[in-house]
Amino acid sequence: MCKQVQNYLQICCSKQTSIEIEQLNARVVEAETKLKTEVTRIKKKLQIQITELEMSLDVANKNNIELQKTIKKQSLSLTVSMGTHISYKNFVINCLRYIS
């Protein structure tokens, strides 16, 4: 009788262990699925942010180019104005010398 009880307990324990292992495997699979879903979500979010940053960088670069062109034009205009001012100044000085 003792042997039968022992066999029964071994069968019950091995069945219970198998059930627990299956439950643990199911939890692992569920956790992996959740993690993969979360990783995919984060990856998509980061890809969107990268795209937005690239677009912002393109706009900033275009604005920078336009500002550099404006600075060059203004610098040239200032140089011409200064040259014209110096020419007028020299003209006035020469006129005053001529009159004196």
N, C-alpha and C. Protein backbone atom coordinates (compact mmCIF):
# COMPACT_ATOMS: atom_id res chain seq x y z
N MET A 1 0.82 -1.19 0.00
CA MET A 1 0.00 0.00 0.00
C MET A 1 0.86 1.26 0.00
N CYS A 2 1.89 1.24 0.75
CA CYS A 2 2.78 2.38 0.83
C CYS A 2 3.40 2.68 -0.52
N LYS A 3 3.73 1.65 -1.27
CA LYS A 3 4.32 1.82 -2.59
C LYS A 3 3.33 2.48 -3.53
N GLN A 4 2.07 2.10 -3.46
CA GLN A 4 1.04 2.70 -4.31
C GLN A 4 0.86 4.19 -3.99
N VAL A 5 0.87 4.53 -2.74
CA VAL A 5 0.74 5.93 -2.33
C VAL A 5 1.93 6.73 -2.83
N GLN A 6 3.09 6.11 -2.72
CA GLN A 6 4.30 6.79 -3.16
C GLN A 6 4.25 7.02 -4.67
N ASN A 7 3.84 6.05 -5.44
CA ASN A 7 3.71 6.19 -6.90
C ASN A 7 2.68 7.27 -7.24
N TYR A 8 1.58 7.24 -6.50
CA TYR A 8 0.53 8.24 -6.74
C TYR A 8 1.07 9.65 -6.49
N LEU A 9 1.81 9.83 -5.40
CA LEU A 9 2.38 11.13 -5.07
C LEU A 9 3.38 11.59 -6.13
N GLN A 10 4.17 10.67 -6.62
CA GLN A 10 5.15 11.00 -7.66
C GLN A 10 4.43 11.46 -8.93
N ILE A 11 3.37 10.75 -9.29
CA ILE A 11 2.61 11.11 -10.49
C ILE A 11 1.97 12.48 -10.30
N CYS A 12 1.38 12.70 -9.12
CA CYS A 12 0.74 14.00 -8.83
C CYS A 12 1.76 15.12 -8.86
N CYS A 13 2.90 14.89 -8.24
CA CYS A 13 3.94 15.92 -8.19
C CYS A 13 4.48 16.22 -9.58
N SER A 14 4.69 15.20 -10.38
CA SER A 14 5.22 15.44 -11.72
C SER A 14 4.18 16.14 -12.59
N LYS A 15 2.89 15.80 -12.40
CA LYS A 15 1.84 16.50 -13.14
C LYS A 15 1.77 17.95 -12.70
N GLN A 16 1.86 18.19 -11.40
CA GLN A 16 1.80 19.55 -10.87
C GLN A 16 3.01 20.35 -11.36
N THR A 17 4.16 19.73 -11.36
CA THR A 17 5.37 20.40 -11.84
C THR A 17 5.24 20.74 -13.33
N SER A 18 4.71 19.81 -14.10
CA SER A 18 4.50 20.06 -15.53
C SER A 18 3.54 21.22 -15.74
N ILE A 19 2.47 21.23 -14.96
CA ILE A 19 1.50 22.33 -15.07
C ILE A 19 2.16 23.66 -14.74
N GLU A 20 2.95 23.66 -13.66
CA GLU A 20 3.63 24.90 -13.26
C GLU A 20 4.62 25.36 -14.33
N ILE A 21 5.32 24.41 -14.91
CA ILE A 21 6.27 24.75 -15.98
C ILE A 21 5.53 25.35 -17.19
N GLU A 22 4.42 24.73 -17.55
CA GLU A 22 3.62 25.26 -18.67
C GLU A 22 3.11 26.67 -18.36
N GLN A 23 2.67 26.88 -17.13
CA GLN A 23 2.20 28.20 -16.74
C GLN A 23 3.33 29.24 -16.80
N LEU A 24 4.49 28.84 -16.33
CA LEU A 24 5.65 29.73 -16.39
C LEU A 24 6.03 30.04 -17.84
N ASN A 25 6.00 29.04 -18.68
CA ASN A 25 6.30 29.25 -20.10
C ASN A 25 5.29 30.20 -20.73
N ALA A 26 4.04 30.05 -20.37
CA ALA A 26 3.00 30.94 -20.90
C ALA A 26 3.25 32.37 -20.45
N ARG A 27 3.65 32.55 -19.18
CA ARG A 27 3.96 33.90 -18.69
C ARG A 27 5.16 34.50 -19.42
N VAL A 28 6.15 33.67 -19.67
CA VAL A 28 7.35 34.13 -20.39
C VAL A 28 6.97 34.59 -21.80
N VAL A 29 6.16 33.78 -22.47
CA VAL A 29 5.72 34.14 -23.83
C VAL A 29 4.92 35.44 -23.79
N GLU A 30 4.04 35.57 -22.83
CA GLU A 30 3.24 36.79 -22.71
C GLU A 30 4.13 38.01 -22.44
N ALA A 31 5.10 37.85 -21.56
CA ALA A 31 6.02 38.95 -21.25
C ALA A 31 6.85 39.32 -22.48
N GLU A 32 7.32 38.33 -23.23
CA GLU A 32 8.09 38.60 -24.46
C GLU A 32 7.24 39.35 -25.47
N THR A 33 5.99 38.94 -25.61
CA THR A 33 5.08 39.60 -26.55
C THR A 33 4.87 41.05 -26.16
N LYS A 34 4.64 41.29 -24.86
CA LYS A 34 4.44 42.66 -24.39
C LYS A 34 5.69 43.50 -24.64
N LEU A 35 6.85 42.92 -24.35
CA LEU A 35 8.11 43.65 -24.56
C LEU A 35 8.34 43.97 -26.03
N LYS A 36 8.07 43.01 -26.89
CA LYS A 36 8.24 43.24 -28.33
C LYS A 36 7.31 44.35 -28.81
N THR A 37 6.09 44.34 -28.31
CA THR A 37 5.12 45.37 -28.67
C THR A 37 5.61 46.73 -28.19
N GLU A 38 6.10 46.79 -26.97
CA GLU A 38 6.60 48.05 -26.40
C GLU A 38 7.83 48.55 -27.16
N VAL A 39 8.73 47.64 -27.49
CA VAL A 39 9.93 48.01 -28.25
C VAL A 39 9.53 48.56 -29.62
N THR A 40 8.58 47.92 -30.27
CA THR A 40 8.10 48.39 -31.57
C THR A 40 7.48 49.77 -31.46
N ARG A 41 6.69 49.99 -30.41
CA ARG A 41 6.06 51.29 -30.20
C ARG A 41 7.12 52.38 -29.99
N ILE A 42 8.10 52.08 -29.14
CA ILE A 42 9.17 53.06 -28.87
C ILE A 42 9.99 53.33 -30.13
N LYS A 43 10.26 52.28 -30.88
CA LYS A 43 11.04 52.43 -32.12
C LYS A 43 10.31 53.34 -33.10
N LYS A 44 9.00 53.14 -33.27
CA LYS A 44 8.22 53.99 -34.17
C LYS A 44 8.23 55.44 -33.70
N LYS A 45 8.08 55.62 -32.38
CA LYS A 45 8.08 56.96 -31.81
C LYS A 45 9.41 57.66 -32.08
N LEU A 46 10.50 56.94 -31.88
CA LEU A 46 11.83 57.51 -32.11
C LEU A 46 12.06 57.80 -33.59
N GLN A 47 11.56 56.95 -34.47
CA GLN A 47 11.69 57.19 -35.91
C GLN A 47 10.95 58.46 -36.31
N ILE A 48 9.78 58.67 -35.73
CA ILE A 48 9.02 59.89 -36.00
C ILE A 48 9.78 61.11 -35.52
N GLN A 49 10.35 61.01 -34.31
CA GLN A 49 11.12 62.13 -33.77
C GLN A 49 12.35 62.42 -34.63
N ILE A 50 13.01 61.39 -35.11
CA ILE A 50 14.18 61.57 -35.97
C ILE A 50 13.77 62.28 -37.26
N THR A 51 12.67 61.85 -37.84
CA THR A 51 12.18 62.48 -39.07
C THR A 51 11.86 63.95 -38.83
N GLU A 52 11.19 64.26 -37.72
CA GLU A 52 10.85 65.64 -37.40
C GLU A 52 12.11 66.48 -37.19
N LEU A 53 13.10 65.90 -36.50
CA LEU A 53 14.35 66.62 -36.28
C LEU A 53 15.10 66.86 -37.59
N GLU A 54 15.08 65.89 -38.48
CA GLU A 54 15.73 66.06 -39.79
C GLU A 54 15.04 67.18 -40.58
N MET A 55 13.71 67.21 -40.52
CA MET A 55 12.99 68.27 -41.23
C MET A 55 13.30 69.63 -40.62
N SER A 56 13.36 69.71 -39.31
CA SER A 56 13.70 70.97 -38.64
C SER A 56 15.11 71.41 -39.00
N LEU A 57 16.02 70.46 -39.08
CA LEU A 57 17.40 70.78 -39.47
C LEU A 57 17.45 71.30 -40.89
N ASP A 58 16.70 70.70 -41.79
CA ASP A 58 16.65 71.18 -43.18
C ASP A 58 16.16 72.62 -43.24
N VAL A 59 15.09 72.92 -42.49
CA VAL A 59 14.55 74.28 -42.46
C VAL A 59 15.59 75.25 -41.90
N ALA A 60 16.24 74.85 -40.80
CA ALA A 60 17.25 75.71 -40.18
C ALA A 60 18.42 75.95 -41.15
N ASN A 61 18.83 74.92 -41.87
CA ASN A 61 19.92 75.08 -42.83
C ASN A 61 19.53 76.02 -43.97
N LYS A 62 18.30 75.89 -44.46
CA LYS A 62 17.83 76.78 -45.53
C LYS A 62 17.77 78.22 -45.02
N ASN A 63 17.26 78.42 -43.81
CA ASN A 63 17.21 79.76 -43.23
C ASN A 63 18.61 80.33 -43.05
N ASN A 64 19.53 79.49 -42.64
CA ASN A 64 20.92 79.92 -42.45
C ASN A 64 21.52 80.38 -43.78
N ILE A 65 21.26 79.64 -44.83
CA ILE A 65 21.77 80.02 -46.16
C ILE A 65 21.20 81.36 -46.59
N GLU A 66 19.90 81.54 -46.37
CA GLU A 66 19.26 82.81 -46.73
C GLU A 66 19.83 83.97 -45.90
N LEU A 67 20.04 83.74 -44.63
CA LEU A 67 20.62 84.78 -43.77
C LEU A 67 22.05 85.12 -44.20
N GLN A 68 22.81 84.12 -44.59
CA GLN A 68 24.17 84.38 -45.07
C GLN A 68 24.15 85.22 -46.35
N LYS A 69 23.19 84.92 -47.23
CA LYS A 69 23.06 85.73 -48.45
C LYS A 69 22.71 87.18 -48.10
N THR A 70 21.79 87.35 -47.14
CA THR A 70 21.39 88.69 -46.72
C THR A 70 22.58 89.43 -46.12
N ILE A 71 23.36 88.76 -45.30
CA ILE A 71 24.54 89.39 -44.69
C ILE A 71 25.53 89.82 -45.77
N LYS A 72 25.74 88.98 -46.76
CA LYS A 72 26.67 89.34 -47.85
C LYS A 72 26.16 90.55 -48.62
N LYS A 73 24.85 90.58 -48.91
CA LYS A 73 24.27 91.72 -49.63
C LYS A 73 24.41 92.99 -48.81
N GLN A 74 24.11 92.92 -47.52
CA GLN A 74 24.20 94.10 -46.67
C GLN A 74 25.65 94.55 -46.52
N SER A 75 26.56 93.60 -46.42
CA SER A 75 27.97 93.94 -46.32
C SER A 75 28.45 94.65 -47.59
N LEU A 76 28.02 94.14 -48.73
CA LEU A 76 28.39 94.77 -50.00
C LEU A 76 27.78 96.16 -50.10
N SER A 77 26.52 96.27 -49.69
CA SER A 77 25.86 97.57 -49.72
C SER A 77 26.56 98.55 -48.79
N LEU A 78 26.96 98.11 -47.62
CA LEU A 78 27.67 98.96 -46.67
C LEU A 78 29.03 99.38 -47.23
N THR A 79 29.71 98.44 -47.87
CA THR A 79 31.00 98.76 -48.48
C THR A 79 30.83 99.81 -49.56
N VAL A 80 29.81 99.66 -50.39
CA VAL A 80 29.54 100.63 -51.45
C VAL A 80 29.18 101.99 -50.84
N SER A 81 28.35 101.97 -49.81
CA SER A 81 27.96 103.22 -49.14
C SER A 81 29.16 103.92 -48.54
N MET A 82 30.01 103.16 -47.91
CA MET A 82 31.22 103.75 -47.32
C MET A 82 32.12 104.32 -48.39
N GLY A 83 32.23 103.59 -49.50
CA GLY A 83 33.04 104.09 -50.62
C GLY A 83 32.45 105.37 -51.18
N THR A 84 31.13 105.41 -51.32
CA THR A 84 30.46 106.60 -51.82
C THR A 84 30.64 107.76 -50.85
N HIS A 85 30.52 107.48 -49.56
CA HIS A 85 30.70 108.51 -48.53
C HIS A 85 32.12 109.08 -48.59
N ILE A 86 33.09 108.21 -48.72
CA ILE A 86 34.48 108.67 -48.81
C ILE A 86 34.68 109.50 -50.06
N SER A 87 34.06 109.07 -51.17
CA SER A 87 34.18 109.83 -52.42
C SER A 87 33.57 111.21 -52.25
N TYR A 88 32.39 111.30 -51.65
CA TYR A 88 31.75 112.60 -51.43
C TYR A 88 32.58 113.46 -50.49
N LYS A 89 33.12 112.82 -49.45
CA LYS A 89 33.94 113.54 -48.49
C LYS A 89 35.16 114.13 -49.20
N ASN A 90 35.81 113.32 -50.03
CA ASN A 90 36.97 113.80 -50.77
C ASN A 90 36.57 114.91 -51.74
N PHE A 91 35.41 114.77 -52.35
CA PHE A 91 34.92 115.79 -53.28
C PHE A 91 34.71 117.12 -52.55
N VAL A 92 34.07 117.02 -51.38
CA VAL A 92 33.81 118.24 -50.59
C VAL A 92 35.14 118.86 -50.15
N ILE A 93 36.06 118.04 -49.70
CA ILE A 93 37.38 118.57 -49.28
C ILE A 93 38.06 119.25 -50.45
N ASN A 94 38.04 118.64 -51.59
CA ASN A 94 38.67 119.23 -52.78
C ASN A 94 37.99 120.53 -53.18
N CYS A 95 36.64 120.54 -53.06
CA CYS A 95 35.91 121.77 -53.40
C CYS A 95 36.31 122.88 -52.44
N LEU A 96 36.37 122.55 -51.15
CA LEU A 96 36.74 123.56 -50.16
C LEU A 96 38.17 124.06 -50.39
N ARG A 97 39.04 123.18 -50.79
CA ARG A 97 40.41 123.60 -51.09
C ARG A 97 40.42 124.52 -52.32
N TYR A 98 39.61 124.17 -53.25
CA TYR A 98 39.57 124.96 -54.50
C TYR A 98 39.01 126.35 -54.22
N ILE A 99 37.99 126.38 -53.36
CA ILE A 99 37.36 127.66 -53.02
C ILE A 99 38.31 128.50 -52.18
N SER A 100 39.05 127.89 -51.32
CA SER A 100 39.93 128.64 -50.42
C SER A 100 41.13 129.19 -51.11
